[in-house]
Amino acid sequence: MDNLQELIPFAKEMLSQKPSRGLLKVYLVGSVFAVLGTAIGLVETVCHPFCSDEPLDAEMLLMLAKERRTVEADVQHKVEGKKKEEEEEEEEKEQALENGATTLTFSKTHKVSQRSISNRLHAS
């Protein structure tokens, strides 16, 4: 709104100075482009959430594919790790049964892990 309020005094001042026609045309064309740019930007902003058919650029596709591969590798690594732990536990049980010894076994081994930053934000 500030620009609109400044536009009217500016136009009056220009007309009082009697500018040439060429200068008026330049200001008029510039003003038309400014208004059109603002209108197009507003329409694009309003309609953007509804347009999901936009093609993704190549960098974004590469990043998504890389992230998908890392997630799949992490999941596969965790599954393989669990299988190995289960196999080791079974082997230990079999060896204990073969030896005839009674042993106490813990159901899970607890691993020390770092707290994530999001968990520590409230304490800072």
PDB file of N, CA and C in Angstrom:
ATOM      1  N   MET A   1       0.819  -1.200   0.000  1.00  0.00           N
ATOM      2  CA  MET A   1       0.000   0.000   0.000  1.00  0.00           C
ATOM      3  C   MET A   1       0.859   1.257   0.000  1.00  0.00           C
ATOM      4  N   ASP A   2       2.044   1.155   0.583  1.00  0.00           N
ATOM      5  CA  ASP A   2       2.918   2.333   0.610  1.00  0.00           C
ATOM      6  C   ASP A   2       3.278   2.765  -0.805  1.00  0.00           C
ATOM      7  N   ASN A   3       3.554   1.803  -1.669  1.00  0.00           N
ATOM      8  CA  ASN A   3       3.926   2.129  -3.045  1.00  0.00           C
ATOM      9  C   ASN A   3       2.774   2.805  -3.781  1.00  0.00           C
ATOM     10  N   LEU A   4       1.542   2.355  -3.539  1.00  0.00           N
ATOM     11  CA  LEU A   4       0.388   2.948  -4.198  1.00  0.00           C
ATOM     12  C   LEU A   4       0.175   4.380  -3.719  1.00  0.00           C
ATOM     13  N   GLN A   5       0.396   4.604  -2.434  1.00  0.00           N
ATOM     14  CA  GLN A   5       0.237   5.956  -1.895  1.00  0.00           C
ATOM     15  C   GLN A   5       1.335   6.879  -2.407  1.00  0.00           C
ATOM     16  N   GLU A   6       2.522   6.340  -2.681  1.00  0.00           N
ATOM     17  CA  GLU A   6       3.613   7.145  -3.216  1.00  0.00           C
ATOM     18  C   GLU A   6       3.474   7.348  -4.715  1.00  0.00           C
ATOM     19  N   LEU A   7       2.741   6.492  -5.385  1.00  0.00           N
ATOM     20  CA  LEU A   7       2.615   6.569  -6.837  1.00  0.00           C
ATOM     21  C   LEU A   7       1.831   7.794  -7.282  1.00  0.00           C
ATOM     22  N   ILE A   8       0.772   8.111  -6.573  1.00  0.00           N
ATOM     23  CA  ILE A   8      -0.068   9.254  -6.967  1.00  0.00           C
ATOM     24  C   ILE A   8       0.701  10.575  -6.854  1.00  0.00           C
ATOM     25  N   PRO A   9       1.384  10.881  -5.741  1.00  0.00           N
ATOM     26  CA  PRO A   9       2.176  12.126  -5.710  1.00  0.00           C
ATOM     27  C   PRO A   9       3.288  12.144  -6.753  1.00  0.00           C
ATOM     28  N   PHE A  10       3.873  10.985  -7.011  1.00  0.00           N
ATOM     29  CA  PHE A  10       4.926  10.912  -8.024  1.00  0.00           C
ATOM     30  C   PHE A  10       4.377  11.268  -9.403  1.00  0.00           C
ATOM     31  N   ALA A  11       3.204  10.722  -9.729  1.00  0.00           N
ATOM     32  CA  ALA A  11       2.594  11.026 -11.032  1.00  0.00           C
ATOM     33  C   ALA A  11       2.247  12.508 -11.132  1.00  0.00           C
ATOM     34  N   LYS A  12       1.733  13.093 -10.075  1.00  0.00           N
ATOM     35  CA  LYS A  12       1.407  14.530 -10.093  1.00  0.00           C
ATOM     36  C   LYS A  12       2.661  15.364 -10.277  1.00  0.00           C
ATOM     37  N   GLU A  13       3.727  15.013  -9.611  1.00  0.00           N
ATOM     38  CA  GLU A  13       4.979  15.766  -9.732  1.00  0.00           C
ATOM     39  C   GLU A  13       5.543  15.656 -11.143  1.00  0.00           C
ATOM     40  N   MET A  14       5.461  14.448 -11.720  1.00  0.00           N
ATOM     41  CA  MET A  14       5.966  14.281 -13.085  1.00  0.00           C
ATOM     42  C   MET A  14       5.159  15.119 -14.071  1.00  0.00           C
ATOM     43  N   LEU A  15       3.844  15.141 -13.902  1.00  0.00           N
ATOM     44  CA  LEU A  15       3.014  15.913 -14.821  1.00  0.00           C
ATOM     45  C   LEU A  15       3.244  17.413 -14.655  1.00  0.00           C
ATOM     46  N   SER A  16       3.547  17.854 -13.443  1.00  0.00           N
ATOM     47  CA  SER A  16       3.807  19.279 -13.219  1.00  0.00           C
ATOM     48  C   SER A  16       5.131  19.708 -13.844  1.00  0.00           C
ATOM     49  N   GLN A  17       6.077  18.783 -14.010  1.00  0.00           N
ATOM     50  CA  GLN A  17       7.373  19.125 -14.603  1.00  0.00           C
ATOM     51  C   GLN A  17       7.356  19.043 -16.119  1.00  0.00           C
ATOM     52  N   LYS A  18       6.268  18.628 -16.698  1.00  0.00           N
ATOM     53  CA  LYS A  18       6.116  18.521 -18.149  1.00  0.00           C
ATOM     54  C   LYS A  18       7.214  17.641 -18.770  1.00  0.00           C
ATOM     55  N   PRO A  19       7.231  16.338 -18.442  1.00  0.00           N
ATOM     56  CA  PRO A  19       8.252  15.456 -19.034  1.00  0.00           C
ATOM     57  C   PRO A  19       7.931  15.172 -20.499  1.00  0.00           C
ATOM     58  N   SER A  20       8.924  14.684 -21.197  1.00  0.00           N
ATOM     59  CA  SER A  20       8.733  14.348 -22.608  1.00  0.00           C
ATOM     60  C   SER A  20       7.888  13.080 -22.712  1.00  0.00           C
ATOM     61  N   ARG A  21       7.356  12.861 -23.901  1.00  0.00           N
ATOM     62  CA  ARG A  21       6.497  11.690 -24.121  1.00  0.00           C
ATOM     63  C   ARG A  21       7.292  10.394 -23.990  1.00  0.00           C
ATOM     64  N   GLY A  22       8.531  10.404 -24.417  1.00  0.00           N
ATOM     65  CA  GLY A  22       9.364   9.202 -24.327  1.00  0.00           C
ATOM     66  C   GLY A  22       9.561   8.765 -22.887  1.00  0.00           C
ATOM     67  N   LEU A  23       9.797   9.748 -22.010  1.00  0.00           N
ATOM     68  CA  LEU A  23       9.991   9.428 -20.603  1.00  0.00           C
ATOM     69  C   LEU A  23       8.712   8.876 -19.983  1.00  0.00           C
ATOM     70  N   LEU A  24       7.579   9.426 -20.352  1.00  0.00           N
ATOM     71  CA  LEU A  24       6.298   8.920 -19.845  1.00  0.00           C
ATOM     72  C   LEU A  24       6.057   7.484 -20.307  1.00  0.00           C
ATOM     73  N   LYS A  25       6.413   7.201 -21.564  1.00  0.00           N
ATOM     74  CA  LYS A  25       6.240   5.846 -22.073  1.00  0.00           C
ATOM     75  C   LYS A  25       7.112   4.854 -21.302  1.00  0.00           C
ATOM     76  N   VAL A  26       8.353   5.249 -20.993  1.00  0.00           N
ATOM     77  CA  VAL A  26       9.254   4.364 -20.245  1.00  0.00           C
ATOM     78  C   VAL A  26       8.680   4.064 -18.871  1.00  0.00           C
ATOM     79  N   TYR A  27       8.203   5.103 -18.166  1.00  0.00           N
ATOM     80  CA  TYR A  27       7.612   4.889 -16.839  1.00  0.00           C
ATOM     81  C   TYR A  27       6.341   4.045 -16.931  1.00  0.00           C
ATOM     82  N   LEU A  28       5.549   4.276 -17.958  1.00  0.00           N
ATOM     83  CA  LEU A  28       4.310   3.521 -18.122  1.00  0.00           C
ATOM     84  C   LEU A  28       4.597   2.044 -18.393  1.00  0.00           C
ATOM     85  N   VAL A  29       5.547   1.747 -19.271  1.00  0.00           N
ATOM     86  CA  VAL A  29       5.893   0.364 -19.577  1.00  0.00           C
ATOM     87  C   VAL A  29       6.474  -0.325 -18.333  1.00  0.00           C
ATOM     88  N   GLY A  30       7.339   0.375 -17.612  1.00  0.00           N
ATOM     89  CA  GLY A  30       7.902  -0.181 -16.385  1.00  0.00           C
ATOM     90  C   GLY A  30       6.835  -0.472 -15.348  1.00  0.00           C
ATOM     91  N   SER A  31       5.880   0.427 -15.211  1.00  0.00           N
ATOM     92  CA  SER A  31       4.798   0.221 -14.247  1.00  0.00           C
ATOM     93  C   SER A  31       3.927  -0.968 -14.641  1.00  0.00           C
ATOM     94  N   VAL A  32       3.648  -1.093 -15.935  1.00  0.00           N
ATOM     95  CA  VAL A  32       2.834  -2.219 -16.408  1.00  0.00           C
ATOM     96  C   VAL A  32       3.551  -3.540 -16.126  1.00  0.00           C
ATOM     97  N   PHE A  33       4.867  -3.599 -16.399  1.00  0.00           N
ATOM     98  CA  PHE A  33       5.621  -4.824 -16.117  1.00  0.00           C
ATOM     99  C   PHE A  33       5.635  -5.134 -14.620  1.00  0.00           C
ATOM    100  N   ALA A  34       5.757  -4.109 -13.787  1.00  0.00           N
ATOM    101  CA  ALA A  34       5.768  -4.329 -12.345  1.00  0.00           C
ATOM    102  C   ALA A  34       4.431  -4.890 -11.868  1.00  0.00           C
ATOM    103  N   VAL A  35       3.337  -4.336 -12.369  1.00  0.00           N
ATOM    104  CA  VAL A  35       2.013  -4.818 -11.967  1.00  0.00           C
ATOM    105  C   VAL A  35       1.786  -6.240 -12.468  1.00  0.00           C
ATOM    106  N   LEU A  36       2.181  -6.520 -13.722  1.00  0.00           N
ATOM    107  CA  LEU A  36       2.027  -7.873 -14.258  1.00  0.00           C
ATOM    108  C   LEU A  36       2.875  -8.892 -13.481  1.00  0.00           C
ATOM    109  N   GLY A  37       4.091  -8.512 -13.147  1.00  0.00           N
ATOM    110  CA  GLY A  37       4.951  -9.407 -12.372  1.00  0.00           C
ATOM    111  C   GLY A  37       4.362  -9.707 -11.006  1.00  0.00           C
ATOM    112  N   THR A  38       3.814  -8.693 -10.376  1.00  0.00           N
ATOM    113  CA  THR A  38       3.186  -8.905  -9.067  1.00  0.00           C
ATOM    114  C   THR A  38       1.967  -9.805  -9.186  1.00  0.00           C
ATOM    115  N   ALA A  39       1.152  -9.590 -10.189  1.00  0.00           N
ATOM    116  CA  ALA A  39      -0.053 -10.408 -10.382  1.00  0.00           C
ATOM    117  C   ALA A  39       0.313 -11.864 -10.682  1.00  0.00           C
ATOM    118  N   ILE A  40       1.294 -12.068 -11.555  1.00  0.00           N
ATOM    119  CA  ILE A  40       1.716 -13.431 -11.897  1.00  0.00           C
ATOM    120  C   ILE A  40       2.301 -14.128 -10.671  1.00  0.00           C
ATOM    121  N   GLY A  41       3.103 -13.421  -9.896  1.00  0.00           N
ATOM    122  CA  GLY A  41       3.665 -13.996  -8.676  1.00  0.00           C
ATOM    123  C   GLY A  41       2.589 -14.381  -7.690  1.00  0.00           C
ATOM    124  N   LEU A  42       1.572 -13.556  -7.558  1.00  0.00           N
ATOM    125  CA  LEU A  42       0.475 -13.849  -6.646  1.00  0.00           C
ATOM    126  C   LEU A  42      -0.304 -15.083  -7.101  1.00  0.00           C
ATOM    127  N   VAL A  43      -0.592 -15.163  -8.405  1.00  0.00           N
ATOM    128  CA  VAL A  43      -1.315 -16.320  -8.943  1.00  0.00           C
ATOM    129  C   VAL A  43      -0.489 -17.590  -8.760  1.00  0.00           C
ATOM    130  N   GLU A  44       0.813 -17.516  -9.008  1.00  0.00           N
ATOM    131  CA  GLU A  44       1.686 -18.679  -8.853  1.00  0.00           C
ATOM    132  C   GLU A  44       1.733 -19.132  -7.396  1.00  0.00           C
ATOM    133  N   THR A  45       1.787 -18.183  -6.484  1.00  0.00           N
ATOM    134  CA  THR A  45       1.824 -18.524  -5.062  1.00  0.00           C
ATOM    135  C   THR A  45       0.531 -19.186  -4.619  1.00  0.00           C
ATOM    136  N   VAL A  46      -0.584 -18.706  -5.102  1.00  0.00           N
ATOM    137  CA  VAL A  46      -1.872 -19.268  -4.713  1.00  0.00           C
ATOM    138  C   VAL A  46      -2.075 -20.647  -5.327  1.00  0.00           C
ATOM    139  N   CYS A  47      -1.669 -20.835  -6.568  1.00  0.00           N
ATOM    140  CA  CYS A  47      -1.920 -22.100  -7.270  1.00  0.00           C
ATOM    141  C   CYS A  47      -0.845 -23.154  -7.042  1.00  0.00           C
ATOM    142  N   HIS A  48       0.284 -22.795  -6.471  1.00  0.00           N
ATOM    143  CA  HIS A  48       1.393 -23.740  -6.320  1.00  0.00           C
ATOM    144  C   HIS A  48       1.033 -24.978  -5.501  1.00  0.00           C
ATOM    145  N   PRO A  49       0.336 -24.884  -4.380  1.00  0.00           N
ATOM    146  CA  PRO A  49       0.029 -26.104  -3.618  1.00  0.00           C
ATOM    147  C   PRO A  49      -0.841 -27.098  -4.380  1.00  0.00           C
ATOM    148  N   PHE A  50      -1.586 -26.657  -5.365  1.00  0.00           N
ATOM    149  CA  PHE A  50      -2.489 -27.535  -6.093  1.00  0.00           C
ATOM    150  C   PHE A  50      -1.836 -28.192  -7.295  1.00  0.00           C
ATOM    151  N   CYS A  51      -0.652 -27.746  -7.675  1.00  0.00           N
ATOM    152  CA  CYS A  51       0.038 -28.287  -8.850  1.00  0.00           C
ATOM    153  C   CYS A  51       1.094 -29.283  -8.388  1.00  0.00           C
ATOM    154  N   SER A  52       0.806 -30.566  -8.492  1.00  0.00           N
ATOM    155  CA  SER A  52       1.774 -31.581  -8.096  1.00  0.00           C
ATOM    156  C   SER A  52       2.345 -32.316  -9.302  1.00  0.00           C
ATOM    157  N   ASP A  53       1.963 -31.946 -10.491  1.00  0.00           N
ATOM    158  CA  ASP A  53       2.424 -32.631 -11.700  1.00  0.00           C
ATOM    159  C   ASP A  53       3.710 -32.040 -12.258  1.00  0.00           C
ATOM    160  N   GLU A  54       4.362 -31.170 -11.493  1.00  0.00           N
ATOM    161  CA  GLU A  54       5.583 -30.549 -11.980  1.00  0.00           C
ATOM    162  C   GLU A  54       6.677 -31.609 -12.079  1.00  0.00           C
ATOM    163  N   PRO A  55       7.457 -31.592 -13.142  1.00  0.00           N
ATOM    164  CA  PRO A  55       8.568 -32.536 -13.205  1.00  0.00           C
ATOM    165  C   PRO A  55       9.663 -32.103 -12.240  1.00  0.00           C
ATOM    166  N   LEU A  56      10.289 -33.057 -11.570  1.00  0.00           N
ATOM    167  CA  LEU A  56      11.368 -32.751 -10.644  1.00  0.00           C
ATOM    168  C   LEU A  56      12.657 -32.548 -11.429  1.00  0.00           C
ATOM    169  N   ASP A  57      13.507 -31.675 -10.938  1.00  0.00           N
ATOM    170  CA  ASP A  57      14.761 -31.468 -11.642  1.00  0.00           C
ATOM    171  C   ASP A  57      15.707 -32.635 -11.341  1.00  0.00           C
ATOM    172  N   ALA A  58      16.769 -32.728 -12.130  1.00  0.00           N
ATOM    173  CA  ALA A  58      17.664 -33.882 -12.076  1.00  0.00           C
ATOM    174  C   ALA A  58      18.359 -34.000 -10.724  1.00  0.00           C
ATOM    175  N   GLU A  59      18.770 -32.877 -10.130  1.00  0.00           N
ATOM    176  CA  GLU A  59      19.470 -32.936  -8.855  1.00  0.00           C
ATOM    177  C   GLU A  59      18.566 -33.497  -7.764  1.00  0.00           C
ATOM    178  N   MET A  60      17.303 -33.086  -7.773  1.00  0.00           N
ATOM    179  CA  MET A  60      16.378 -33.565  -6.755  1.00  0.00           C
ATOM    180  C   MET A  60      16.138 -35.068  -6.912  1.00  0.00           C
ATOM    181  N   LEU A  61      16.026 -35.532  -8.147  1.00  0.00           N
ATOM    182  CA  LEU A  61      15.842 -36.959  -8.379  1.00  0.00           C
ATOM    183  C   LEU A  61      17.053 -37.759  -7.904  1.00  0.00           C
ATOM    184  N   LEU A  62      18.260 -37.238  -8.160  1.00  0.00           N
ATOM    185  CA  LEU A  62      19.467 -37.917  -7.706  1.00  0.00           C
ATOM    186  C   LEU A  62      19.530 -37.970  -6.186  1.00  0.00           C
ATOM    187  N   MET A  63      19.167 -36.871  -5.531  1.00  0.00           N
ATOM    188  CA  MET A  63      19.179 -36.847  -4.072  1.00  0.00           C
ATOM    189  C   MET A  63      18.170 -37.835  -3.497  1.00  0.00           C
ATOM    190  N   LEU A  64      16.979 -37.902  -4.080  1.00  0.00           N
ATOM    191  CA  LEU A  64      15.961 -38.838  -3.601  1.00  0.00           C
ATOM    192  C   LEU A  64      16.417 -40.281  -3.786  1.00  0.00           C
ATOM    193  N   ALA A  65      17.030 -40.575  -4.940  1.00  0.00           N
ATOM    194  CA  ALA A  65      17.506 -41.931  -5.195  1.00  0.00           C
ATOM    195  C   ALA A  65      18.625 -42.304  -4.224  1.00  0.00           C
ATOM    196  N   LYS A  66      19.532 -41.372  -3.957  1.00  0.00           N
ATOM    197  CA  LYS A  66      20.635 -41.627  -3.025  1.00  0.00           C
ATOM    198  C   LYS A  66      20.092 -41.873  -1.616  1.00  0.00           C
ATOM    199  N   GLU A  67      19.140 -41.063  -1.197  1.00  0.00           N
ATOM    200  CA  GLU A  67      18.556 -41.229   0.131  1.00  0.00           C
ATOM    201  C   GLU A  67      17.834 -42.574   0.244  1.00  0.00           C
ATOM    202  N   ARG A  68      17.121 -42.952  -0.811  1.00  0.00           N
ATOM    203  CA  ARG A  68      16.406 -44.225  -0.810  1.00  0.00           C
ATOM    204  C   ARG A  68      17.395 -45.393  -0.692  1.00  0.00           C
ATOM    205  N   ARG A  69      18.524 -45.303  -1.416  1.00  0.00           N
ATOM    206  CA  ARG A  69      19.525 -46.366  -1.344  1.00  0.00           C
ATOM    207  C   ARG A  69      20.129 -46.470   0.048  1.00  0.00           C
ATOM    208  N   THR A  70      20.426 -45.333   0.676  1.00  0.00           N
ATOM    209  CA  THR A  70      21.014 -45.374   2.009  1.00  0.00           C
ATOM    210  C   THR A  70      20.036 -45.946   3.025  1.00  0.00           C
ATOM    211  N   VAL A  71      18.764 -45.590   2.905  1.00  0.00           N
ATOM    212  CA  VAL A  71      17.764 -46.139   3.828  1.00  0.00           C
ATOM    213  C   VAL A  71      17.641 -47.642   3.641  1.00  0.00           C
ATOM    214  N   GLU A  72      17.600 -48.096   2.389  1.00  0.00           N
ATOM    215  CA  GLU A  72      17.512 -49.530   2.126  1.00  0.00           C
ATOM    216  C   GLU A  72      18.746 -50.263   2.651  1.00  0.00           C
ATOM    217  N   ALA A  73      19.920 -49.665   2.490  1.00  0.00           N
ATOM    218  CA  ALA A  73      21.148 -50.296   2.980  1.00  0.00           C
ATOM    219  C   ALA A  73      21.133 -50.373   4.505  1.00  0.00           C
ATOM    220  N   ASP A  74      20.673 -49.322   5.172  1.00  0.00           N
ATOM    221  CA  ASP A  74      20.590 -49.336   6.631  1.00  0.00           C
ATOM    222  C   ASP A  74      19.631 -50.417   7.115  1.00  0.00           C
ATOM    223  N   VAL A  75      18.488 -50.520   6.473  1.00  0.00           N
ATOM    224  CA  VAL A  75      17.506 -51.532   6.866  1.00  0.00           C
ATOM    225  C   VAL A  75      18.087 -52.924   6.661  1.00  0.00           C
ATOM    226  N   GLN A  76      18.736 -53.140   5.528  1.00  0.00           N
ATOM    227  CA  GLN A  76      19.318 -54.445   5.239  1.00  0.00           C
ATOM    228  C   GLN A  76      20.422 -54.764   6.250  1.00  0.00           C
ATOM    229  N   HIS A  77      21.230 -53.770   6.591  1.00  0.00           N
ATOM    230  CA  HIS A  77      22.310 -53.971   7.552  1.00  0.00           C
ATOM    231  C   HIS A  77      21.741 -54.353   8.921  1.00  0.00           C
ATOM    232  N   LYS A  78      20.663 -53.691   9.333  1.00  0.00           N
ATOM    233  CA  LYS A  78      20.047 -53.999  10.626  1.00  0.00           C
ATOM    234  C   LYS A  78      19.464 -55.405  10.640  1.00  0.00           C
ATOM    235  N   VAL A  79      18.823 -55.796   9.539  1.00  0.00           N
ATOM    236  CA  VAL A  79      18.234 -57.133   9.458  1.00  0.00           C
ATOM    237  C   VAL A  79      19.330 -58.195   9.525  1.00  0.00           C
ATOM    238  N   GLU A  80      20.420 -57.977   8.779  1.00  0.00           N
ATOM    239  CA  GLU A  80      21.522 -58.935   8.794  1.00  0.00           C
ATOM    240  C   GLU A  80      22.150 -59.008  10.179  1.00  0.00           C
ATOM    241  N   GLY A  81      22.276 -57.869  10.849  1.00  0.00           N
ATOM    242  CA  GLY A  81      22.844 -57.845  12.193  1.00  0.00           C
ATOM    243  C   GLY A  81      21.983 -58.620  13.174  1.00  0.00           C
ATOM    244  N   LYS A  82      20.671 -58.476  13.069  1.00  0.00           N
ATOM    245  CA  LYS A  82      19.768 -59.216  13.959  1.00  0.00           C
ATOM    246  C   LYS A  82      19.859 -60.714  13.702  1.00  0.00           C
ATOM    247  N   LYS A  83      19.961 -61.089  12.423  1.00  0.00           N
ATOM    248  CA  LYS A  83      20.076 -62.508  12.096  1.00  0.00           C
ATOM    249  C   LYS A  83      21.365 -63.090  12.675  1.00  0.00           C
ATOM    250  N   LYS A  84      22.468 -62.351  12.573  1.00  0.00           N
ATOM    251  CA  LYS A  84      23.740 -62.832  13.105  1.00  0.00           C
ATOM    252  C   LYS A  84      23.673 -62.974  14.622  1.00  0.00           C
ATOM    253  N   GLU A  85      23.047 -61.999  15.290  1.00  0.00           N
ATOM    254  CA  GLU A  85      22.919 -62.075  16.743  1.00  0.00           C
ATOM    255  C   GLU A  85      22.081 -63.275  17.154  1.00  0.00           C
ATOM    256  N   GLU A  86      20.999 -63.522  16.430  1.00  0.00           N
ATOM    257  CA  GLU A  86      20.157 -64.675  16.744  1.00  0.00           C
ATOM    258  C   GLU A  86      20.918 -65.980  16.531  1.00  0.00           C
ATOM    259  N   GLU A  87      21.700 -66.058  15.446  1.00  0.00           N
ATOM    260  CA  GLU A  87      22.483 -67.253  15.178  1.00  0.00           C
ATOM    261  C   GLU A  87      23.527 -67.476  16.271  1.00  0.00           C
ATOM    262  N   GLU A  88      24.173 -66.395  16.704  1.00  0.00           N
ATOM    263  CA  GLU A  88      25.179 -66.508  17.761  1.00  0.00           C
ATOM    264  C   GLU A  88      24.542 -66.971  19.067  1.00  0.00           C
ATOM    265  N   GLU A  89      23.368 -66.434  19.387  1.00  0.00           N
ATOM    266  CA  GLU A  89      22.676 -66.851  20.604  1.00  0.00           C
ATOM    267  C   GLU A  89      22.301 -68.328  20.538  1.00  0.00           C
ATOM    268  N   GLU A  90      21.834 -68.775  19.373  1.00  0.00           N
ATOM    269  CA  GLU A  90      21.476 -70.187  19.219  1.00  0.00           C
ATOM    270  C   GLU A  90      22.701 -71.080  19.366  1.00  0.00           C
ATOM    271  N   GLU A  91      23.829 -70.648  18.789  1.00  0.00           N
ATOM    272  CA  GLU A  91      25.051 -71.428  18.901  1.00  0.00           C
ATOM    273  C   GLU A  91      25.502 -71.515  20.353  1.00  0.00           C
ATOM    274  N   GLU A  92      25.412 -70.407  21.075  1.00  0.00           N
ATOM    275  CA  GLU A  92      25.802 -70.403  22.483  1.00  0.00           C
ATOM    276  C   GLU A  92      24.908 -71.347  23.286  1.00  0.00           C
ATOM    277  N   LYS A  93      23.607 -71.316  22.995  1.00  0.00           N
ATOM    278  CA  LYS A  93      22.680 -72.210  23.707  1.00  0.00           C
ATOM    279  C   LYS A  93      23.004 -73.671  23.409  1.00  0.00           C
ATOM    280  N   GLU A  94      23.293 -73.964  22.139  1.00  0.00           N
ATOM    281  CA  GLU A  94      23.623 -75.335  21.757  1.00  0.00           C
ATOM    282  C   GLU A  94      24.905 -75.798  22.445  1.00  0.00           C
ATOM    283  N   GLN A  95      25.914 -74.911  22.486  1.00  0.00           N
ATOM    284  CA  GLN A  95      27.167 -75.269  23.141  1.00  0.00           C
ATOM    285  C   GLN A  95      26.948 -75.480  24.628  1.00  0.00           C
ATOM    286  N   ALA A  96      26.100 -74.646  25.227  1.00  0.00           N
ATOM    287  CA  ALA A  96      25.832 -74.797  26.657  1.00  0.00           C
ATOM    288  C   ALA A  96      25.113 -76.119  26.921  1.00  0.00           C
ATOM    289  N   LEU A  97      24.184 -76.477  26.044  1.00  0.00           N
ATOM    290  CA  LEU A  97      23.475 -77.739  26.220  1.00  0.00           C
ATOM    291  C   LEU A  97      24.398 -78.936  26.030  1.00  0.00           C
ATOM    292  N   GLU A  98      25.324 -78.834  25.060  1.00  0.00           N
ATOM    293  CA  GLU A  98      26.269 -79.911  24.813  1.00  0.00           C
ATOM    294  C   GLU A  98      27.209 -80.096  25.998  1.00  0.00           C
ATOM    295  N   ASN A  99      27.634 -78.989  26.596  1.00  0.00           N
ATOM    296  CA  ASN A  99      28.564 -79.054  27.719  1.00  0.00           C
ATOM    297  C   ASN A  99      27.849 -79.463  29.001  1.00  0.00           C
ATOM    298  N   GLY A 100      26.549 -79.333  29.027  1.00  0.00           N
ATOM    299  CA  GLY A 100      25.790 -79.722  30.202  1.00  0.00           C
ATOM    300  C   GLY A 100      25.830 -78.677  31.293  1.00  0.00           C
ATOM    301  N   ALA A 101      26.325 -77.511  31.018  1.00  0.00           N
ATOM    302  CA  ALA A 101      26.418 -76.455  32.028  1.00  0.00           C
ATOM    303  C   ALA A 101      25.166 -75.599  31.980  1.00  0.00           C
ATOM    304  N   THR A 102      24.815 -75.093  33.139  1.00  0.00           N
ATOM    305  CA  THR A 102      23.674 -74.171  33.205  1.00  0.00           C
ATOM    306  C   THR A 102      24.222 -72.765  33.262  1.00  0.00           C
ATOM    307  N   THR A 103      23.718 -71.927  32.399  1.00  0.00           N
ATOM    308  CA  THR A 103      24.201 -70.550  32.348  1.00  0.00           C
ATOM    309  C   THR A 103      23.020 -69.606  32.362  1.00  0.00           C
ATOM    310  N   LEU A 104      23.281 -68.436  32.869  1.00  0.00           N
ATOM    311  CA  LEU A 104      22.275 -67.370  32.826  1.00  0.00           C
ATOM    312  C   LEU A 104      22.482 -66.569  31.545  1.00  0.00           C
ATOM    313  N   THR A 105      21.429 -66.351  30.800  1.00  0.00           N
ATOM    314  CA  THR A 105      21.543 -65.569  29.569  1.00  0.00           C
ATOM    315  C   THR A 105      20.591 -64.383  29.648  1.00  0.00           C
ATOM    316  N   PHE A 106      21.036 -63.298  29.134  1.00  0.00           N
ATOM    317  CA  PHE A 106      20.223 -62.096  29.067  1.00  0.00           C
ATOM    318  C   PHE A 106      19.497 -62.086  27.732  1.00  0.00           C
ATOM    319  N   SER A 107      18.277 -61.600  27.740  1.00  0.00           N
ATOM    320  CA  SER A 107      17.479 -61.647  26.525  1.00  0.00           C
ATOM    321  C   SER A 107      18.031 -60.729  25.441  1.00  0.00           C
ATOM    322  N   LYS A 108      18.449 -59.552  25.805  1.00  0.00           N
ATOM    323  CA  LYS A 108      18.996 -58.597  24.839  1.00  0.00           C
ATOM    324  C   LYS A 108      20.218 -57.933  25.446  1.00  0.00           C
ATOM    325  N   THR A 109      21.150 -57.597  24.620  1.00  0.00           N
ATOM    326  CA  THR A 109      22.286 -56.810  25.090  1.00  0.00           C
ATOM    327  C   THR A 109      21.974 -55.365  24.815  1.00  0.00           C
ATOM    328  N   HIS A 110      22.180 -54.546  25.816  1.00  0.00           N
ATOM    329  CA  HIS A 110      21.884 -53.116  25.665  1.00  0.00           C
ATOM    330  C   HIS A 110      23.119 -52.408  25.132  1.00  0.00           C
ATOM    331  N   LYS A 111      22.926 -51.641  24.099  1.00  0.00           N
ATOM    332  CA  LYS A 111      24.024 -50.906  23.494  1.00  0.00           C
ATOM    333  C   LYS A 111      23.956 -49.453  23.940  1.00  0.00           C
ATOM    334  N   VAL A 112      25.119 -48.861  24.144  1.00  0.00           N
ATOM    335  CA  VAL A 112      25.178 -47.458  24.522  1.00  0.00           C
ATOM    336  C   VAL A 112      24.989 -46.635  23.257  1.00  0.00           C
ATOM    337  N   SER A 113      24.064 -45.724  23.301  1.00  0.00           N
ATOM    338  CA  SER A 113      23.835 -44.878  22.128  1.00  0.00           C
ATOM    339  C   SER A 113      23.781 -43.424  22.566  1.00  0.00           C
ATOM    340  N   GLN A 114      24.094 -42.559  21.652  1.00  0.00           N
ATOM    341  CA  GLN A 114      24.051 -41.138  21.950  1.00  0.00           C
ATOM    342  C   GLN A 114      22.637 -40.638  21.782  1.00  0.00           C
ATOM    343  N   ARG A 115      22.280 -39.682  22.631  1.00  0.00           N
ATOM    344  CA  ARG A 115      20.972 -39.067  22.481  1.00  0.00           C
ATOM    345  C   ARG A 115      21.019 -38.111  21.305  1.00  0.00           C
ATOM    346  N   SER A 116      19.936 -38.034  20.609  1.00  0.00           N
ATOM    347  CA  SER A 116      19.914 -37.128  19.464  1.00  0.00           C
ATOM    348  C   SER A 116      19.774 -35.692  19.948  1.00  0.00           C
ATOM    349  N   ILE A 117      20.096 -34.771  19.095  1.00  0.00           N
ATOM    350  CA  ILE A 117      20.033 -33.353  19.440  1.00  0.00           C
ATOM    351  C   ILE A 117      18.622 -32.935  19.798  1.00  0.00           C
ATOM    352  N   SER A 118      17.645 -33.507  19.115  1.00  0.00           N
ATOM    353  CA  SER A 118      16.259 -33.128  19.387  1.00  0.00           C
ATOM    354  C   SER A 118      15.842 -33.481  20.803  1.00  0.00           C
ATOM    355  N   ASN A 119      16.408 -34.537  21.366  1.00  0.00           N
ATOM    356  CA  ASN A 119      16.099 -34.906  22.738  1.00  0.00           C
ATOM    357  C   ASN A 119      16.770 -33.985  23.740  1.00  0.00           C
ATOM    358  N   ARG A 120      17.863 -33.342  23.348  1.00  0.00           N
ATOM    359  CA  ARG A 120      18.608 -32.503  24.268  1.00  0.00           C
ATOM    360  C   ARG A 120      18.236 -31.027  24.165  1.00  0.00           C
ATOM    361  N   LEU A 121      17.398 -30.648  23.254  1.00  0.00           N
ATOM    362  CA  LEU A 121      17.087 -29.236  23.073  1.00  0.00           C
ATOM    363  C   LEU A 121      16.438 -28.613  24.309  1.00  0.00           C
ATOM    364  N   HIS A 122      15.617 -29.373  25.008  1.00  0.00           N
ATOM    365  CA  HIS A 122      14.922 -28.795  26.148  1.00  0.00           C
ATOM    366  C   HIS A 122      15.863 -28.484  27.302  1.00  0.00           C
ATOM    367  N   ALA A 123      17.004 -29.135  27.381  1.00  0.00           N
ATOM    368  CA  ALA A 123      17.917 -28.932  28.487  1.00  0.00           C
ATOM    369  C   ALA A 123      18.878 -27.778  28.255  1.00  0.00           C
ATOM    370  N   SER A 124      18.954 -27.276  27.060  1.00  0.00           N
ATOM    371  CA  SER A 124      19.931 -26.226  26.792  1.00  0.00           C
ATOM    372  C   SER A 124      19.393 -24.858  27.023  1.00  0.00           C
TER     373      SER A 124
END
